[in-house]
Amino acid sequence: MDTANPEMVSLARASRGLTQSRLASLIHRSPGLINKVEHGIQAASQELVGQLVATLRYRESFFFRGEHVAGTDSACFHHRKRASMPSSLLDTTEARMFVTQLQVRTLLDELEIISDNEFLNLDLDDYDENPARVAQAVRAAWHLPRGPIPDLIRVIEAAGGVVVYSDFGTPKLDGMSCWPKAGPPLFFINSRSPMDRRRHTIAHELGHLVMHALPHRGNPEDHAATFA
């Protein structure tokens, strides 16, 4: 695209934990200008793009990517957090996950990956609204034996998923997941979490991705916990 993508500008800023006002202060611009650029009301000049590159530490090409971050073709996402998680930190971590998802898509664009299994969208209604039965169906589809799963990450990767560990800067968020229309399912997991909690979080997020792409009744967090 010929002009910077407003959504990429907003994503880059949010992923660095900056408000519009703080970014404007760092580059000696008005908050109103940043707001107009992020809402597509005013195009970013080449000079402004250069300032964004230097301040937000992304390559210039990042700001010209054509993907949508929000909207019908964006990744839907889920997260496992505690009630005391600050919304500002959640927004920053969510933005970092979307950036990671774009990076993974770029890395895999030129590769043809043949997976042993595939991710499924299963309707809870078909399983009497019982997440445990959905989990059994996934085990059967992925040829997993009864009992503990020795290496859950290997199972996820064998179905084409990608697991990324990152320090979220807080213990109050365990993980996030997204399954974009273009690209593999992504599990974004807090490296600060203890290993057993990471394992449960991955299983929890897998439950979200399998069960919650379709409309459903009940509490999705309870569903995912039971699935895990």
C-alpha atoms as a PDB file:
ATOM      1  CA  MET A   1       0.000   0.000   0.000  1.00  0.00           C
ATOM      2  CA  ASP A   2       1.112   3.558  -0.751  1.00  0.00           C
ATOM      3  CA  THR A   3       0.418   5.035   2.689  1.00  0.00           C
ATOM      4  CA  ALA A   4       1.045   3.687   6.153  1.00  0.00           C
ATOM      5  CA  ASN A   5      -1.682   1.376   7.424  1.00  0.00           C
ATOM      6  CA  PRO A   6      -3.418   3.171  10.341  1.00  0.00           C
ATOM      7  CA  GLU A   7      -3.976  -0.190  12.071  1.00  0.00           C
ATOM      8  CA  MET A   8      -0.259  -0.993  11.949  1.00  0.00           C
ATOM      9  CA  VAL A   9       0.548   2.405  13.462  1.00  0.00           C
ATOM     10  CA  SER A  10      -1.885   1.767  16.303  1.00  0.00           C
ATOM     11  CA  LEU A  11      -0.629  -1.802  16.787  1.00  0.00           C
ATOM     12  CA  ALA A  12       3.019  -0.751  16.917  1.00  0.00           C
ATOM     13  CA  ARG A  13       2.270   1.951  19.478  1.00  0.00           C
ATOM     14  CA  ALA A  14       0.147  -0.320  21.676  1.00  0.00           C
ATOM     15  CA  SER A  15       2.715  -3.129  21.570  1.00  0.00           C
ATOM     16  CA  ARG A  16       5.285  -0.754  23.114  1.00  0.00           C
ATOM     17  CA  GLY A  17       2.886   0.136  25.916  1.00  0.00           C
ATOM     18  CA  LEU A  18       2.475   3.752  24.831  1.00  0.00           C
ATOM     19  CA  THR A  19      -0.633   5.916  24.832  1.00  0.00           C
ATOM     20  CA  GLN A  20      -1.239   8.270  21.920  1.00  0.00           C
ATOM     21  CA  SER A  21      -0.316  11.197  24.156  1.00  0.00           C
ATOM     22  CA  ARG A  22       2.946   9.588  25.282  1.00  0.00           C
ATOM     23  CA  LEU A  23       3.960   8.731  21.709  1.00  0.00           C
ATOM     24  CA  ALA A  24       3.145  12.264  20.593  1.00  0.00           C
ATOM     25  CA  SER A  25       5.336  13.650  23.375  1.00  0.00           C
ATOM     26  CA  LEU A  26       8.267  11.403  22.421  1.00  0.00           C
ATOM     27  CA  ILE A  27       8.241  12.509  18.777  1.00  0.00           C
ATOM     28  CA  HIS A  28       7.237  16.132  19.478  1.00  0.00           C
ATOM     29  CA  ARG A  29       3.914  15.896  17.682  1.00  0.00           C
ATOM     30  CA  SER A  30       0.365  16.633  18.802  1.00  0.00           C
ATOM     31  CA  PRO A  31      -1.824  13.844  20.229  1.00  0.00           C
ATOM     32  CA  GLY A  32      -4.495  14.988  17.796  1.00  0.00           C
ATOM     33  CA  LEU A  33      -2.251  14.146  14.837  1.00  0.00           C
ATOM     34  CA  ILE A  34      -1.539  10.655  16.172  1.00  0.00           C
ATOM     35  CA  ASN A  35      -5.249  10.104  16.721  1.00  0.00           C
ATOM     36  CA  LYS A  36      -6.084  11.207  13.168  1.00  0.00           C
ATOM     37  CA  VAL A  37      -3.392   8.947  11.680  1.00  0.00           C
ATOM     38  CA  GLU A  38      -4.545   5.916  13.686  1.00  0.00           C
ATOM     39  CA  HIS A  39      -8.152   6.458  12.628  1.00  0.00           C
ATOM     40  CA  GLY A  40      -7.251   6.913   8.960  1.00  0.00           C
ATOM     41  CA  ILE A  41      -8.401  10.533   8.896  1.00  0.00           C
ATOM     42  CA  GLN A  42      -4.949  11.828   7.951  1.00  0.00           C
ATOM     43  CA  ALA A  43      -2.179   9.984   6.150  1.00  0.00           C
ATOM     44  CA  ALA A  44       1.177   9.714   7.889  1.00  0.00           C
ATOM     45  CA  SER A  45       3.865  11.751   6.145  1.00  0.00           C
ATOM     46  CA  GLN A  46       7.178  10.150   5.277  1.00  0.00           C
ATOM     47  CA  GLU A  47       8.779  12.225   8.024  1.00  0.00           C
ATOM     48  CA  LEU A  48       6.277  10.940  10.582  1.00  0.00           C
ATOM     49  CA  VAL A  49       6.807   7.348   9.453  1.00  0.00           C
ATOM     50  CA  GLY A  50      10.538   7.843   9.974  1.00  0.00           C
ATOM     51  CA  GLN A  51       9.892   9.059  13.511  1.00  0.00           C
ATOM     52  CA  LEU A  52       7.648   6.061  14.190  1.00  0.00           C
ATOM     53  CA  VAL A  53      10.329   3.675  12.921  1.00  0.00           C
ATOM     54  CA  ALA A  54      12.954   5.222  15.202  1.00  0.00           C
ATOM     55  CA  THR A  55      10.732   5.488  18.281  1.00  0.00           C
ATOM     56  CA  LEU A  56       8.699   2.274  18.085  1.00  0.00           C
ATOM     57  CA  ARG A  57      11.595   0.166  16.749  1.00  0.00           C
ATOM     58  CA  TYR A  58       9.804  -1.533  13.864  1.00  0.00           C
ATOM     59  CA  ARG A  59      11.018  -1.642  10.291  1.00  0.00           C
ATOM     60  CA  GLU A  60       9.392   0.791   7.904  1.00  0.00           C
ATOM     61  CA  SER A  61       7.812  -2.077   5.976  1.00  0.00           C
ATOM     62  CA  PHE A  62       5.845  -3.051   9.101  1.00  0.00           C
ATOM     63  CA  PHE A  63       3.784   0.133   8.920  1.00  0.00           C
ATOM     64  CA  PHE A  64       2.828  -0.571   5.312  1.00  0.00           C
ATOM     65  CA  ARG A  65       1.515  -4.105   5.823  1.00  0.00           C
ATOM     66  CA  GLY A  66      -2.003  -4.452   4.469  1.00  0.00           C
ATOM     67  CA  GLU A  67      -3.520  -6.761   7.104  1.00  0.00           C
ATOM     68  CA  HIS A  68      -6.430  -5.795   9.308  1.00  0.00           C
ATOM     69  CA  VAL A  69      -5.877  -6.083  13.032  1.00  0.00           C
ATOM     70  CA  ALA A  70      -9.522  -5.471  13.915  1.00  0.00           C
ATOM     71  CA  GLY A  71     -12.522  -6.518  11.895  1.00  0.00           C
ATOM     72  CA  THR A  72     -13.966  -9.516  10.137  1.00  0.00           C
ATOM     73  CA  ASP A  73     -10.661 -10.829   8.780  1.00  0.00           C
ATOM     74  CA  SER A  74      -8.636 -10.381  11.969  1.00  0.00           C
ATOM     75  CA  ALA A  75      -7.642 -13.046  14.441  1.00  0.00           C
ATOM     76  CA  CYS A  76     -10.159 -13.822  17.143  1.00  0.00           C
ATOM     77  CA  PHE A  77      -8.367 -14.309  20.422  1.00  0.00           C
ATOM     78  CA  HIS A  78      -8.843 -15.683  23.919  1.00  0.00           C
ATOM     79  CA  HIS A  79      -6.882 -15.134  27.094  1.00  0.00           C
ATOM     80  CA  ARG A  80      -6.489 -16.649  30.532  1.00  0.00           C
ATOM     81  CA  LYS A  81      -5.985 -13.912  33.097  1.00  0.00           C
ATOM     82  CA  ARG A  82      -6.675 -12.969  36.672  1.00  0.00           C
ATOM     83  CA  ALA A  83      -9.311 -10.416  37.622  1.00  0.00           C
ATOM     84  CA  SER A  84      -6.701  -7.944  38.889  1.00  0.00           C
ATOM     85  CA  MET A  85      -4.903  -7.754  35.530  1.00  0.00           C
ATOM     86  CA  PRO A  86      -4.659  -4.044  34.546  1.00  0.00           C
ATOM     87  CA  SER A  87      -6.506  -3.360  31.296  1.00  0.00           C
ATOM     88  CA  SER A  88      -3.625  -1.255  29.965  1.00  0.00           C
ATOM     89  CA  LEU A  89      -1.165  -4.135  30.372  1.00  0.00           C
ATOM     90  CA  LEU A  90      -3.657  -6.533  28.806  1.00  0.00           C
ATOM     91  CA  ASP A  91      -3.952  -4.209  25.786  1.00  0.00           C
ATOM     92  CA  THR A  92      -0.154  -4.101  25.428  1.00  0.00           C
ATOM     93  CA  THR A  93       0.196  -7.881  25.630  1.00  0.00           C
ATOM     94  CA  GLU A  94      -2.668  -8.377  23.188  1.00  0.00           C
ATOM     95  CA  ALA A  95      -0.930  -6.048  20.716  1.00  0.00           C
ATOM     96  CA  ARG A  96       2.339  -7.951  21.144  1.00  0.00           C
ATOM     97  CA  MET A  97       0.492 -11.184  20.394  1.00  0.00           C
ATOM     98  CA  PHE A  98      -0.926  -9.743  17.164  1.00  0.00           C
ATOM     99  CA  VAL A  99       2.562  -8.571  16.159  1.00  0.00           C
ATOM    100  CA  THR A 100       3.886 -12.083  16.825  1.00  0.00           C
ATOM    101  CA  GLN A 101       1.066 -13.558  14.769  1.00  0.00           C
ATOM    102  CA  LEU A 102       2.030 -11.323  11.818  1.00  0.00           C
ATOM    103  CA  GLN A 103       5.691 -12.292  12.204  1.00  0.00           C
ATOM    104  CA  VAL A 104       4.827 -16.002  12.256  1.00  0.00           C
ATOM    105  CA  ARG A 105       2.706 -15.578   9.144  1.00  0.00           C
ATOM    106  CA  THR A 106       5.613 -13.903   7.356  1.00  0.00           C
ATOM    107  CA  LEU A 107       8.035 -16.659   8.377  1.00  0.00           C
ATOM    108  CA  LEU A 108       5.691 -19.394   7.172  1.00  0.00           C
ATOM    109  CA  ASP A 109       4.554 -17.718   3.933  1.00  0.00           C
ATOM    110  CA  GLU A 110       7.152 -19.475   1.817  1.00  0.00           C
ATOM    111  CA  LEU A 111       6.833 -22.852   3.548  1.00  0.00           C
ATOM    112  CA  GLU A 112       4.473 -25.719   2.864  1.00  0.00           C
ATOM    113  CA  ILE A 113       4.006 -27.472   6.184  1.00  0.00           C
ATOM    114  CA  ILE A 114       2.425 -30.910   6.158  1.00  0.00           C
ATOM    115  CA  SER A 115       0.929 -31.696   9.558  1.00  0.00           C
ATOM    116  CA  ASP A 116       0.018 -35.107  10.917  1.00  0.00           C
ATOM    117  CA  ASN A 117      -3.258 -33.718  12.270  1.00  0.00           C
ATOM    118  CA  GLU A 118      -5.338 -30.573  11.912  1.00  0.00           C
ATOM    119  CA  PHE A 119      -7.134 -28.179  14.217  1.00  0.00           C
ATOM    120  CA  LEU A 120     -10.862 -28.704  14.563  1.00  0.00           C
ATOM    121  CA  ASN A 121     -13.913 -26.496  15.108  1.00  0.00           C
ATOM    122  CA  LEU A 122     -16.323 -28.569  17.195  1.00  0.00           C
ATOM    123  CA  ASP A 123     -19.811 -27.488  18.211  1.00  0.00           C
ATOM    124  CA  LEU A 124     -20.509 -27.949  21.926  1.00  0.00           C
ATOM    125  CA  ASP A 125     -24.166 -28.632  21.107  1.00  0.00           C
ATOM    126  CA  ASP A 126     -23.105 -31.779  19.264  1.00  0.00           C
ATOM    127  CA  TYR A 127     -21.513 -33.032  22.474  1.00  0.00           C
ATOM    128  CA  ASP A 128     -24.381 -32.273  24.876  1.00  0.00           C
ATOM    129  CA  GLU A 129     -22.584 -29.062  25.896  1.00  0.00           C
ATOM    130  CA  ASN A 130     -19.974 -31.210  27.635  1.00  0.00           C
ATOM    131  CA  PRO A 131     -16.386 -29.926  27.125  1.00  0.00           C
ATOM    132  CA  ALA A 132     -14.969 -33.220  28.445  1.00  0.00           C
ATOM    133  CA  ARG A 133     -16.614 -35.030  25.537  1.00  0.00           C
ATOM    134  CA  VAL A 134     -15.130 -32.472  23.137  1.00  0.00           C
ATOM    135  CA  ALA A 135     -11.686 -33.156  24.633  1.00  0.00           C
ATOM    136  CA  GLN A 136     -12.224 -36.879  24.078  1.00  0.00           C
ATOM    137  CA  ALA A 137     -13.158 -36.177  20.458  1.00  0.00           C
ATOM    138  CA  VAL A 138      -9.943 -34.194  19.942  1.00  0.00           C
ATOM    139  CA  ARG A 139      -7.915 -37.013  21.499  1.00  0.00           C
ATOM    140  CA  ALA A 140      -9.553 -39.485  19.125  1.00  0.00           C
ATOM    141  CA  ALA A 141      -9.026 -37.271  16.054  1.00  0.00           C
ATOM    142  CA  TRP A 142      -5.380 -36.738  16.979  1.00  0.00           C
ATOM    143  CA  HIS A 143      -4.805 -40.425  17.836  1.00  0.00           C
ATOM    144  CA  LEU A 144      -3.815 -39.697  21.433  1.00  0.00           C
ATOM    145  CA  PRO A 145      -3.889 -42.606  23.892  1.00  0.00           C
ATOM    146  CA  ARG A 146      -5.663 -42.473  27.228  1.00  0.00           C
ATOM    147  CA  GLY A 147      -3.830 -40.960  30.193  1.00  0.00           C
ATOM    148  CA  PRO A 148      -1.368 -38.061  30.560  1.00  0.00           C
ATOM    149  CA  ILE A 149       0.067 -36.451  27.425  1.00  0.00           C
ATOM    150  CA  PRO A 150       3.883 -36.432  27.779  1.00  0.00           C
ATOM    151  CA  ASP A 151       4.542 -33.501  25.413  1.00  0.00           C
ATOM    152  CA  LEU A 152       1.545 -31.245  24.780  1.00  0.00           C
ATOM    153  CA  ILE A 153       3.541 -28.741  22.714  1.00  0.00           C
ATOM    154  CA  ARG A 154       4.624 -31.463  20.302  1.00  0.00           C
ATOM    155  CA  VAL A 155       0.962 -32.477  19.946  1.00  0.00           C
ATOM    156  CA  ILE A 156      -0.014 -28.862  19.163  1.00  0.00           C
ATOM    157  CA  GLU A 157       2.791 -28.495  16.628  1.00  0.00           C
ATOM    158  CA  ALA A 158       1.915 -31.817  14.974  1.00  0.00           C
ATOM    159  CA  ALA A 159      -1.489 -30.299  14.213  1.00  0.00           C
ATOM    160  CA  GLY A 160       0.053 -27.148  12.700  1.00  0.00           C
ATOM    161  CA  GLY A 161      -0.137 -24.865  15.734  1.00  0.00           C
ATOM    162  CA  VAL A 162       2.637 -22.557  16.930  1.00  0.00           C
ATOM    163  CA  VAL A 163       3.530 -22.070  20.603  1.00  0.00           C
ATOM    164  CA  VAL A 164       5.503 -18.928  21.544  1.00  0.00           C
ATOM    165  CA  TYR A 165       6.800 -18.150  25.030  1.00  0.00           C
ATOM    166  CA  SER A 166       7.235 -14.515  26.034  1.00  0.00           C
ATOM    167  CA  ASP A 167       7.764 -12.597  29.257  1.00  0.00           C
ATOM    168  CA  PHE A 168       4.498 -10.691  29.741  1.00  0.00           C
ATOM    169  CA  GLY A 169       5.977  -8.548  32.514  1.00  0.00           C
ATOM    170  CA  THR A 170       3.345  -9.753  34.980  1.00  0.00           C
ATOM    171  CA  PRO A 171       2.252 -13.052  36.547  1.00  0.00           C
ATOM    172  CA  LYS A 172      -1.411 -12.034  36.226  1.00  0.00           C
ATOM    173  CA  LEU A 173      -1.803 -13.168  32.616  1.00  0.00           C
ATOM    174  CA  ASP A 174      -1.018 -16.787  31.789  1.00  0.00           C
ATOM    175  CA  GLY A 175      -1.560 -16.884  28.067  1.00  0.00           C
ATOM    176  CA  MET A 176      -3.464 -15.889  24.951  1.00  0.00           C
ATOM    177  CA  SER A 177      -4.405 -17.651  21.765  1.00  0.00           C
ATOM    178  CA  CYS A 178      -5.631 -16.717  18.310  1.00  0.00           C
ATOM    179  CA  TRP A 179      -6.585 -18.566  15.164  1.00  0.00           C
ATOM    180  CA  PRO A 180      -6.446 -16.127  12.235  1.00  0.00           C
ATOM    181  CA  LYS A 181      -8.174 -16.876   8.959  1.00  0.00           C
ATOM    182  CA  ALA A 182      -4.782 -16.730   7.255  1.00  0.00           C
ATOM    183  CA  GLY A 183      -2.139 -18.452   9.329  1.00  0.00           C
ATOM    184  CA  PRO A 184      -1.766 -21.166  11.950  1.00  0.00           C
ATOM    185  CA  PRO A 185      -3.294 -21.182  15.445  1.00  0.00           C
ATOM    186  CA  LEU A 186      -0.986 -19.273  17.786  1.00  0.00           C
ATOM    187  CA  PHE A 187      -0.498 -19.890  21.508  1.00  0.00           C
ATOM    188  CA  PHE A 188       1.166 -16.928  23.249  1.00  0.00           C
ATOM    189  CA  ILE A 189       2.283 -18.146  26.680  1.00  0.00           C
ATOM    190  CA  ASN A 190       3.769 -16.277  29.648  1.00  0.00           C
ATOM    191  CA  SER A 191       7.293 -17.533  30.281  1.00  0.00           C
ATOM    192  CA  ARG A 192       7.002 -16.317  33.885  1.00  0.00           C
ATOM    193  CA  SER A 193       4.404 -18.963  34.688  1.00  0.00           C
ATOM    194  CA  PRO A 194       5.478 -22.209  36.394  1.00  0.00           C
ATOM    195  CA  MET A 195       5.803 -25.148  33.996  1.00  0.00           C
ATOM    196  CA  ASP A 196       2.683 -26.956  35.251  1.00  0.00           C
ATOM    197  CA  ARG A 197       0.633 -23.790  34.874  1.00  0.00           C
ATOM    198  CA  ARG A 198       1.969 -23.250  31.349  1.00  0.00           C
ATOM    199  CA  ARG A 199       0.860 -26.767  30.442  1.00  0.00           C
ATOM    200  CA  HIS A 200      -2.631 -26.173  31.790  1.00  0.00           C
ATOM    201  CA  THR A 201      -2.808 -22.800  30.005  1.00  0.00           C
ATOM    202  CA  ILE A 202      -1.939 -24.380  26.648  1.00  0.00           C
ATOM    203  CA  ALA A 203      -4.656 -27.009  27.155  1.00  0.00           C
ATOM    204  CA  HIS A 204      -7.072 -24.266  28.246  1.00  0.00           C
ATOM    205  CA  GLU A 205      -6.360 -22.154  25.152  1.00  0.00           C
ATOM    206  CA  LEU A 206      -6.672 -25.234  22.930  1.00  0.00           C
ATOM    207  CA  GLY A 207     -10.158 -25.689  24.345  1.00  0.00           C
ATOM    208  CA  HIS A 208     -11.057 -22.128  23.398  1.00  0.00           C
ATOM    209  CA  LEU A 209      -9.822 -22.524  19.830  1.00  0.00           C
ATOM    210  CA  VAL A 210     -11.584 -25.846  19.317  1.00  0.00           C
ATOM    211  CA  MET A 211     -14.924 -24.963  20.948  1.00  0.00           C
ATOM    212  CA  HIS A 212     -15.457 -21.237  20.683  1.00  0.00           C
ATOM    213  CA  ALA A 213     -15.260 -20.366  16.997  1.00  0.00           C
ATOM    214  CA  LEU A 214     -18.994 -21.105  16.892  1.00  0.00           C
ATOM    215  CA  PRO A 215     -21.768 -19.439  18.946  1.00  0.00           C
ATOM    216  CA  HIS A 216     -22.273 -21.133  22.301  1.00  0.00           C
ATOM    217  CA  ARG A 217     -24.123 -20.886  25.589  1.00  0.00           C
ATOM    218  CA  GLY A 218     -22.586 -20.858  29.047  1.00  0.00           C
ATOM    219  CA  ASN A 219     -19.295 -19.528  30.385  1.00  0.00           C
ATOM    220  CA  PRO A 220     -16.409 -20.008  27.906  1.00  0.00           C
ATOM    221  CA  GLU A 221     -13.826 -19.926  30.699  1.00  0.00           C
ATOM    222  CA  ASP A 222     -15.576 -22.782  32.482  1.00  0.00           C
ATOM    223  CA  HIS A 223     -15.748 -24.696  29.200  1.00  0.00           C
ATOM    224  CA  ALA A 224     -12.018 -24.266  28.569  1.00  0.00           C
ATOM    225  CA  ALA A 225     -11.109 -25.210  32.150  1.00  0.00           C
ATOM    226  CA  THR A 226     -13.114 -28.432  31.910  1.00  0.00           C
ATOM    227  CA  PHE A 227     -11.614 -29.219  28.503  1.00  0.00           C
ATOM    228  CA  ALA A 228      -8.099 -28.715  29.896  1.00  0.00           C
END
